């Protein structure tokens, strides 16, 4: 289980009961930055972390190592949803973006259909449709 508390994400191992810190935002650089969303990738190895400073960080949870940072939103990222190697992100900036995390130019689509913050995202079981709410 991944738990976000303030600026830190912790991982709880149900098998051992161990609790480990995965990551912490850089509060020395920006004291207003904190974790706003977390979502496990389907591979069970990677986790996406949305932050108040509009970033999405992809972490390898087994190694506690940041793999990459996705930028492109203008406000906190409060919603995340994986679909294979595609990651949908929703933000207070009212946009939904889809990213292919395997490629350098990761943002594949931007949707501007919301008038308020995007609070939830969910892919259909077939992976062909994305639901969003705000």
N, C-alpha and C. Protein backbone atom coordinates (compact mmCIF):
# COMPACT_ATOMS: atom_id res chain seq x y z
N UNK A 1 0.85 -1.17 0.00
CA UNK A 1 0.00 0.00 0.00
C UNK A 1 0.90 1.23 0.00
N UNK A 2 0.54 2.20 -0.84
CA UNK A 2 1.25 3.48 -0.85
C UNK A 2 0.39 4.50 -0.12
N UNK A 3 1.00 5.24 0.80
CA UNK A 3 0.29 6.25 1.58
C UNK A 3 1.03 7.58 1.45
N UNK A 4 0.29 8.60 1.04
CA UNK A 4 0.86 9.95 0.95
C UNK A 4 0.44 10.74 2.17
N UNK A 5 1.41 11.25 2.90
CA UNK A 5 1.16 12.11 4.06
C UNK A 5 1.98 13.37 3.90
N UNK A 6 1.30 14.46 3.59
CA UNK A 6 2.01 15.73 3.41
C UNK A 6 2.96 15.67 2.23
N UNK A 7 4.24 15.78 2.51
CA UNK A 7 5.25 15.82 1.45
C UNK A 7 5.92 14.46 1.23
N UNK A 8 5.42 13.40 1.88
CA UNK A 8 6.11 12.11 1.86
C UNK A 8 5.17 11.00 1.40
N UNK A 9 5.73 10.04 0.64
CA UNK A 9 5.01 8.82 0.28
C UNK A 9 5.70 7.66 0.98
N UNK A 10 4.89 6.87 1.70
CA UNK A 10 5.37 5.68 2.39
C UNK A 10 4.79 4.44 1.72
N UNK A 11 5.57 3.36 1.77
CA UNK A 11 5.11 2.07 1.27
C UNK A 11 5.00 1.10 2.43
N UNK A 12 3.84 0.45 2.55
CA UNK A 12 3.63 -0.55 3.58
C UNK A 12 3.59 -1.92 2.93
N UNK A 13 4.45 -2.82 3.39
CA UNK A 13 4.51 -4.18 2.88
C UNK A 13 3.61 -5.04 3.75
N UNK A 14 2.50 -5.53 3.18
CA UNK A 14 1.54 -6.32 3.94
C UNK A 14 2.13 -7.65 4.39
N UNK A 15 3.08 -8.19 3.64
CA UNK A 15 3.69 -9.47 3.99
C UNK A 15 4.59 -9.39 5.20
N UNK A 16 5.34 -8.31 5.30
CA UNK A 16 6.32 -8.19 6.39
C UNK A 16 5.91 -7.17 7.45
N UNK A 17 4.99 -6.29 7.10
CA UNK A 17 4.61 -5.22 8.02
C UNK A 17 5.56 -4.04 7.99
N UNK A 18 6.57 -4.10 7.13
CA UNK A 18 7.57 -3.03 7.05
C UNK A 18 6.98 -1.78 6.41
N UNK A 19 7.40 -0.63 6.91
CA UNK A 19 7.02 0.66 6.35
C UNK A 19 8.30 1.36 5.92
N UNK A 20 8.36 1.71 4.63
CA UNK A 20 9.54 2.39 4.09
C UNK A 20 9.13 3.69 3.42
N UNK A 21 9.98 4.70 3.54
CA UNK A 21 9.74 5.96 2.84
C UNK A 21 10.18 5.79 1.39
N UNK A 22 9.27 6.07 0.46
CA UNK A 22 9.60 6.02 -0.96
C UNK A 22 10.23 7.32 -1.42
N UNK A 23 9.56 8.43 -1.09
CA UNK A 23 10.03 9.73 -1.58
C UNK A 23 9.52 10.84 -0.70
N UNK A 24 10.13 12.01 -0.88
CA UNK A 24 9.69 13.23 -0.21
C UNK A 24 9.90 14.38 -1.17
N UNK A 25 8.91 15.28 -1.24
CA UNK A 25 9.08 16.46 -2.08
C UNK A 25 10.18 17.34 -1.49
N UNK A 26 10.70 18.22 -2.30
CA UNK A 26 11.82 19.07 -1.88
C UNK A 26 11.28 20.28 -1.13
N UNK A 27 10.94 20.07 0.14
CA UNK A 27 10.36 21.15 0.95
C UNK A 27 11.37 22.25 1.26
N UNK A 28 12.65 21.96 1.17
CA UNK A 28 13.65 23.02 1.37
C UNK A 28 13.61 24.01 0.22
N UNK A 29 13.32 23.50 -0.98
CA UNK A 29 13.24 24.35 -2.17
C UNK A 29 11.88 25.05 -2.23
N UNK A 30 10.80 24.31 -1.90
CA UNK A 30 9.45 24.85 -2.01
C UNK A 30 8.60 24.26 -0.89
N UNK A 31 8.41 25.02 0.18
CA UNK A 31 7.68 24.51 1.34
C UNK A 31 6.20 24.29 1.06
N UNK A 32 5.70 24.83 -0.05
CA UNK A 32 4.30 24.64 -0.44
C UNK A 32 4.10 23.39 -1.30
N UNK A 33 5.16 22.65 -1.58
CA UNK A 33 5.04 21.45 -2.41
C UNK A 33 4.73 20.25 -1.52
N UNK A 34 3.71 19.51 -1.89
CA UNK A 34 3.33 18.30 -1.18
C UNK A 34 2.70 17.33 -2.17
N UNK A 35 2.51 16.10 -1.75
CA UNK A 35 1.96 15.06 -2.60
C UNK A 35 0.44 15.22 -2.67
N UNK A 36 -0.09 15.22 -3.88
CA UNK A 36 -1.53 15.41 -4.09
C UNK A 36 -2.22 14.19 -4.68
N UNK A 37 -1.46 13.20 -5.16
CA UNK A 37 -2.06 11.98 -5.69
C UNK A 37 -1.00 10.90 -5.84
N UNK A 38 -1.44 9.64 -5.75
CA UNK A 38 -0.57 8.49 -5.99
C UNK A 38 -1.37 7.43 -6.73
N UNK A 39 -0.69 6.66 -7.60
CA UNK A 39 -1.38 5.59 -8.31
C UNK A 39 -0.35 4.57 -8.79
N UNK A 40 -0.60 3.30 -8.46
CA UNK A 40 0.28 2.21 -8.89
C UNK A 40 0.10 1.92 -10.37
N UNK A 41 1.19 1.66 -11.07
CA UNK A 41 1.14 1.21 -12.46
C UNK A 41 0.67 -0.25 -12.47
N UNK A 42 0.11 -0.70 -13.59
CA UNK A 42 -0.35 -2.08 -13.69
C UNK A 42 0.75 -3.12 -13.47
N UNK A 43 2.01 -2.74 -13.70
CA UNK A 43 3.10 -3.70 -13.52
C UNK A 43 3.40 -3.96 -12.04
N UNK A 44 2.80 -3.18 -11.13
CA UNK A 44 3.01 -3.36 -9.71
C UNK A 44 4.39 -2.96 -9.23
N UNK A 45 5.19 -2.43 -10.12
CA UNK A 45 6.57 -2.05 -9.80
C UNK A 45 6.73 -0.53 -9.72
N UNK A 46 5.98 0.18 -10.53
CA UNK A 46 6.11 1.63 -10.62
C UNK A 46 4.90 2.32 -10.00
N UNK A 47 5.16 3.51 -9.51
CA UNK A 47 4.09 4.32 -8.92
C UNK A 47 4.23 5.75 -9.42
N UNK A 48 3.09 6.35 -9.77
CA UNK A 48 3.07 7.76 -10.18
C UNK A 48 2.69 8.59 -8.96
N UNK A 49 3.37 9.72 -8.81
CA UNK A 49 3.13 10.62 -7.69
C UNK A 49 2.88 12.02 -8.25
N UNK A 50 1.68 12.56 -8.01
CA UNK A 50 1.36 13.92 -8.40
C UNK A 50 1.69 14.87 -7.27
N UNK A 51 2.13 16.08 -7.61
CA UNK A 51 2.53 17.03 -6.58
C UNK A 51 1.79 18.36 -6.73
N UNK A 52 1.85 19.14 -5.67
CA UNK A 52 1.23 20.46 -5.66
C UNK A 52 1.92 21.42 -6.62
N UNK A 53 3.18 21.16 -6.96
CA UNK A 53 3.89 22.06 -7.88
C UNK A 53 3.75 21.64 -9.34
N UNK A 54 2.71 20.86 -9.66
CA UNK A 54 2.30 20.52 -11.03
C UNK A 54 3.16 19.46 -11.70
N UNK A 55 3.94 18.73 -10.93
CA UNK A 55 4.75 17.66 -11.50
C UNK A 55 4.11 16.30 -11.26
N UNK A 56 4.49 15.36 -12.13
CA UNK A 56 4.18 13.95 -11.91
C UNK A 56 5.52 13.22 -11.92
N UNK A 57 5.80 12.54 -10.85
CA UNK A 57 7.05 11.78 -10.75
C UNK A 57 6.71 10.29 -10.88
N UNK A 58 7.52 9.58 -11.66
CA UNK A 58 7.37 8.14 -11.79
C UNK A 58 8.50 7.51 -10.99
N UNK A 59 8.14 6.60 -10.07
CA UNK A 59 9.10 5.96 -9.18
C UNK A 59 9.12 4.46 -9.39
N UNK A 60 10.30 3.88 -9.34
CA UNK A 60 10.47 2.43 -9.27
C UNK A 60 10.41 2.10 -7.78
N UNK A 61 9.30 1.53 -7.35
CA UNK A 61 9.08 1.31 -5.92
C UNK A 61 10.02 0.25 -5.35
N UNK A 62 10.40 -0.74 -6.15
CA UNK A 62 11.26 -1.80 -5.64
C UNK A 62 12.67 -1.29 -5.35
N UNK A 63 13.08 -0.24 -6.04
CA UNK A 63 14.42 0.33 -5.84
C UNK A 63 14.39 1.67 -5.12
N UNK A 64 13.17 2.18 -4.86
CA UNK A 64 13.01 3.52 -4.26
C UNK A 64 13.81 4.56 -5.04
N UNK A 65 13.63 4.51 -6.37
CA UNK A 65 14.39 5.41 -7.25
C UNK A 65 13.44 6.11 -8.22
N UNK A 66 13.61 7.43 -8.35
CA UNK A 66 12.80 8.17 -9.31
C UNK A 66 13.28 7.83 -10.72
N UNK A 67 12.33 7.48 -11.58
CA UNK A 67 12.64 7.11 -12.96
C UNK A 67 12.60 8.34 -13.86
N UNK A 68 11.58 9.17 -13.67
CA UNK A 68 11.47 10.39 -14.48
C UNK A 68 10.43 11.32 -13.89
N UNK A 69 10.45 12.56 -14.38
CA UNK A 69 9.48 13.57 -13.99
C UNK A 69 8.75 14.04 -15.24
N UNK A 70 7.43 14.08 -15.15
CA UNK A 70 6.60 14.56 -16.26
C UNK A 70 6.09 15.95 -15.91
N UNK A 71 6.33 16.89 -16.79
CA UNK A 71 5.86 18.26 -16.59
C UNK A 71 4.87 18.60 -17.67
N UNK A 72 4.11 19.67 -17.45
CA UNK A 72 3.16 20.10 -18.46
C UNK A 72 1.91 20.73 -17.88
N UNK A 73 1.58 20.40 -16.64
CA UNK A 73 0.43 21.05 -15.99
C UNK A 73 0.87 22.37 -15.39
N UNK A 74 -0.11 23.22 -15.11
CA UNK A 74 0.16 24.53 -14.52
C UNK A 74 -0.29 24.66 -13.08
N UNK A 75 -0.81 23.57 -12.51
CA UNK A 75 -1.27 23.58 -11.12
C UNK A 75 -1.21 22.15 -10.59
N UNK A 76 -1.58 21.96 -9.33
CA UNK A 76 -1.45 20.65 -8.69
C UNK A 76 -2.10 19.54 -9.51
N UNK A 77 -1.50 18.37 -9.44
CA UNK A 77 -2.00 17.19 -10.15
C UNK A 77 -2.69 16.30 -9.12
N UNK A 78 -4.02 16.29 -9.16
CA UNK A 78 -4.80 15.59 -8.16
C UNK A 78 -5.41 14.28 -8.61
N UNK A 79 -5.23 13.91 -9.88
CA UNK A 79 -5.82 12.68 -10.37
C UNK A 79 -4.84 11.99 -11.32
N UNK A 80 -4.71 10.67 -11.14
CA UNK A 80 -3.82 9.85 -11.96
C UNK A 80 -4.51 8.55 -12.31
N UNK A 81 -4.32 8.06 -13.54
CA UNK A 81 -4.89 6.77 -13.93
C UNK A 81 -4.00 6.12 -14.99
N UNK A 82 -3.54 4.91 -14.72
CA UNK A 82 -2.70 4.16 -15.64
C UNK A 82 -3.55 3.33 -16.61
N UNK A 83 -3.02 3.15 -17.82
CA UNK A 83 -3.58 2.26 -18.82
C UNK A 83 -2.38 1.66 -19.55
N UNK A 84 -1.84 0.58 -19.02
CA UNK A 84 -0.59 0.04 -19.56
C UNK A 84 0.54 1.03 -19.31
N UNK A 85 1.20 1.44 -20.39
CA UNK A 85 2.29 2.43 -20.27
C UNK A 85 1.79 3.86 -20.48
N UNK A 86 0.48 4.01 -20.62
CA UNK A 86 -0.13 5.33 -20.74
C UNK A 86 -0.56 5.79 -19.36
N UNK A 87 -0.33 7.04 -19.06
CA UNK A 87 -0.74 7.62 -17.79
C UNK A 87 -1.58 8.86 -18.07
N UNK A 88 -2.80 8.88 -17.54
CA UNK A 88 -3.65 10.07 -17.63
C UNK A 88 -3.46 10.87 -16.35
N UNK A 89 -3.36 12.19 -16.49
CA UNK A 89 -3.18 13.08 -15.34
C UNK A 89 -4.23 14.18 -15.40
N UNK A 90 -4.80 14.50 -14.26
CA UNK A 90 -5.77 15.58 -14.16
C UNK A 90 -5.31 16.60 -13.15
N UNK A 91 -5.61 17.87 -13.42
CA UNK A 91 -5.02 18.94 -12.64
C UNK A 91 -6.02 20.02 -12.25
N UNK A 92 -5.59 20.81 -11.27
CA UNK A 92 -6.34 22.00 -10.89
C UNK A 92 -6.37 23.02 -12.04
N UNK A 93 -5.46 22.88 -13.00
CA UNK A 93 -5.46 23.78 -14.16
C UNK A 93 -6.59 23.47 -15.13
N UNK A 94 -7.46 22.52 -14.80
CA UNK A 94 -8.66 22.09 -15.54
C UNK A 94 -8.38 21.21 -16.74
N UNK A 95 -7.15 20.77 -16.94
CA UNK A 95 -6.83 19.93 -18.09
C UNK A 95 -6.62 18.47 -17.67
N UNK A 96 -6.85 17.61 -18.66
CA UNK A 96 -6.50 16.19 -18.56
C UNK A 96 -5.45 15.96 -19.64
N UNK A 97 -4.35 15.33 -19.26
CA UNK A 97 -3.29 15.02 -20.22
C UNK A 97 -3.06 13.52 -20.22
N UNK A 98 -2.72 12.99 -21.39
CA UNK A 98 -2.28 11.60 -21.46
C UNK A 98 -0.82 11.59 -21.84
N UNK A 99 -0.09 10.66 -21.23
CA UNK A 99 1.36 10.57 -21.40
C UNK A 99 1.74 9.14 -21.75
N UNK A 100 2.66 8.99 -22.67
CA UNK A 100 3.30 7.70 -22.91
C UNK A 100 4.63 7.78 -22.16
N UNK A 101 4.72 7.09 -21.04
CA UNK A 101 5.88 7.25 -20.17
C UNK A 101 7.16 6.64 -20.75
N UNK A 102 7.06 5.96 -21.88
CA UNK A 102 8.24 5.34 -22.50
C UNK A 102 9.02 6.29 -23.40
N UNK A 103 8.40 7.39 -23.80
CA UNK A 103 9.04 8.25 -24.80
C UNK A 103 9.41 9.61 -24.23
N UNK A 104 10.39 10.24 -24.86
CA UNK A 104 10.91 11.53 -24.39
C UNK A 104 9.82 12.61 -24.39
N UNK A 105 9.17 12.82 -25.52
CA UNK A 105 8.08 13.80 -25.62
C UNK A 105 6.80 13.10 -25.17
N UNK A 106 6.64 12.97 -23.87
CA UNK A 106 5.67 12.08 -23.25
C UNK A 106 4.21 12.48 -23.40
N UNK A 107 3.90 13.78 -23.51
CA UNK A 107 2.50 14.21 -23.57
C UNK A 107 1.93 13.90 -24.95
N UNK A 108 0.93 13.03 -24.99
CA UNK A 108 0.35 12.61 -26.26
C UNK A 108 -0.97 13.31 -26.57
N UNK A 109 -1.69 13.77 -25.54
CA UNK A 109 -2.95 14.49 -25.73
C UNK A 109 -3.20 15.41 -24.56
N UNK A 110 -3.88 16.52 -24.84
CA UNK A 110 -4.35 17.42 -23.80
C UNK A 110 -5.83 17.69 -24.06
N UNK A 111 -6.64 17.49 -23.02
CA UNK A 111 -8.08 17.72 -23.12
C UNK A 111 -8.45 18.89 -22.22
N UNK A 112 -9.20 19.85 -22.78
CA UNK A 112 -9.56 21.06 -22.06
C UNK A 112 -11.08 21.16 -21.91
N UNK A 113 -11.69 20.10 -21.41
CA UNK A 113 -13.16 20.04 -21.34
C UNK A 113 -13.72 20.41 -19.98
N UNK A 114 -12.88 20.62 -18.99
CA UNK A 114 -13.36 20.94 -17.63
C UNK A 114 -13.33 22.44 -17.38
N UNK A 115 -14.22 22.89 -16.50
CA UNK A 115 -14.23 24.28 -16.08
C UNK A 115 -13.64 24.46 -14.69
N UNK A 116 -13.48 23.33 -13.97
CA UNK A 116 -12.90 23.36 -12.64
C UNK A 116 -11.86 22.25 -12.54
N UNK A 117 -11.26 22.14 -11.38
CA UNK A 117 -10.21 21.14 -11.13
C UNK A 117 -10.67 19.73 -11.48
N UNK A 118 -9.79 18.96 -12.09
CA UNK A 118 -10.06 17.56 -12.38
C UNK A 118 -9.72 16.77 -11.12
N UNK A 119 -10.72 16.07 -10.58
CA UNK A 119 -10.56 15.38 -9.29
C UNK A 119 -10.46 13.86 -9.43
N UNK A 120 -10.89 13.31 -10.55
CA UNK A 120 -10.85 11.86 -10.70
C UNK A 120 -10.71 11.44 -12.15
N UNK A 121 -10.01 10.32 -12.35
CA UNK A 121 -9.82 9.73 -13.68
C UNK A 121 -9.92 8.23 -13.57
N UNK A 122 -10.53 7.59 -14.58
CA UNK A 122 -10.63 6.13 -14.59
C UNK A 122 -10.76 5.65 -16.03
N UNK A 123 -9.87 4.73 -16.42
CA UNK A 123 -9.94 4.12 -17.75
C UNK A 123 -11.01 3.03 -17.76
N UNK A 124 -11.66 2.86 -18.90
CA UNK A 124 -12.63 1.76 -19.06
C UNK A 124 -11.87 0.44 -19.04
N UNK A 125 -12.54 -0.68 -18.72
CA UNK A 125 -11.87 -1.98 -18.71
C UNK A 125 -11.15 -2.32 -20.02
N UNK A 126 -11.70 -1.83 -21.14
CA UNK A 126 -11.07 -2.09 -22.44
C UNK A 126 -9.86 -1.19 -22.68
N UNK A 127 -9.73 -0.12 -21.90
CA UNK A 127 -8.62 0.82 -22.07
C UNK A 127 -8.80 1.77 -23.23
N UNK A 128 -10.00 1.82 -23.79
CA UNK A 128 -10.24 2.68 -24.96
C UNK A 128 -10.94 3.99 -24.62
N UNK A 129 -11.46 4.10 -23.39
CA UNK A 129 -12.17 5.31 -23.00
C UNK A 129 -11.70 5.73 -21.60
N UNK A 130 -11.72 7.03 -21.40
CA UNK A 130 -11.30 7.62 -20.13
C UNK A 130 -12.42 8.46 -19.56
N UNK A 131 -12.78 8.20 -18.29
CA UNK A 131 -13.78 9.02 -17.60
C UNK A 131 -13.04 10.01 -16.71
N UNK A 132 -13.57 11.22 -16.62
CA UNK A 132 -13.00 12.24 -15.74
C UNK A 132 -14.10 12.94 -14.99
N UNK A 133 -13.79 13.42 -13.79
CA UNK A 133 -14.75 14.22 -13.05
C UNK A 133 -14.05 15.39 -12.40
N UNK A 134 -14.84 16.37 -12.06
CA UNK A 134 -14.27 17.57 -11.47
C UNK A 134 -15.23 18.22 -10.53
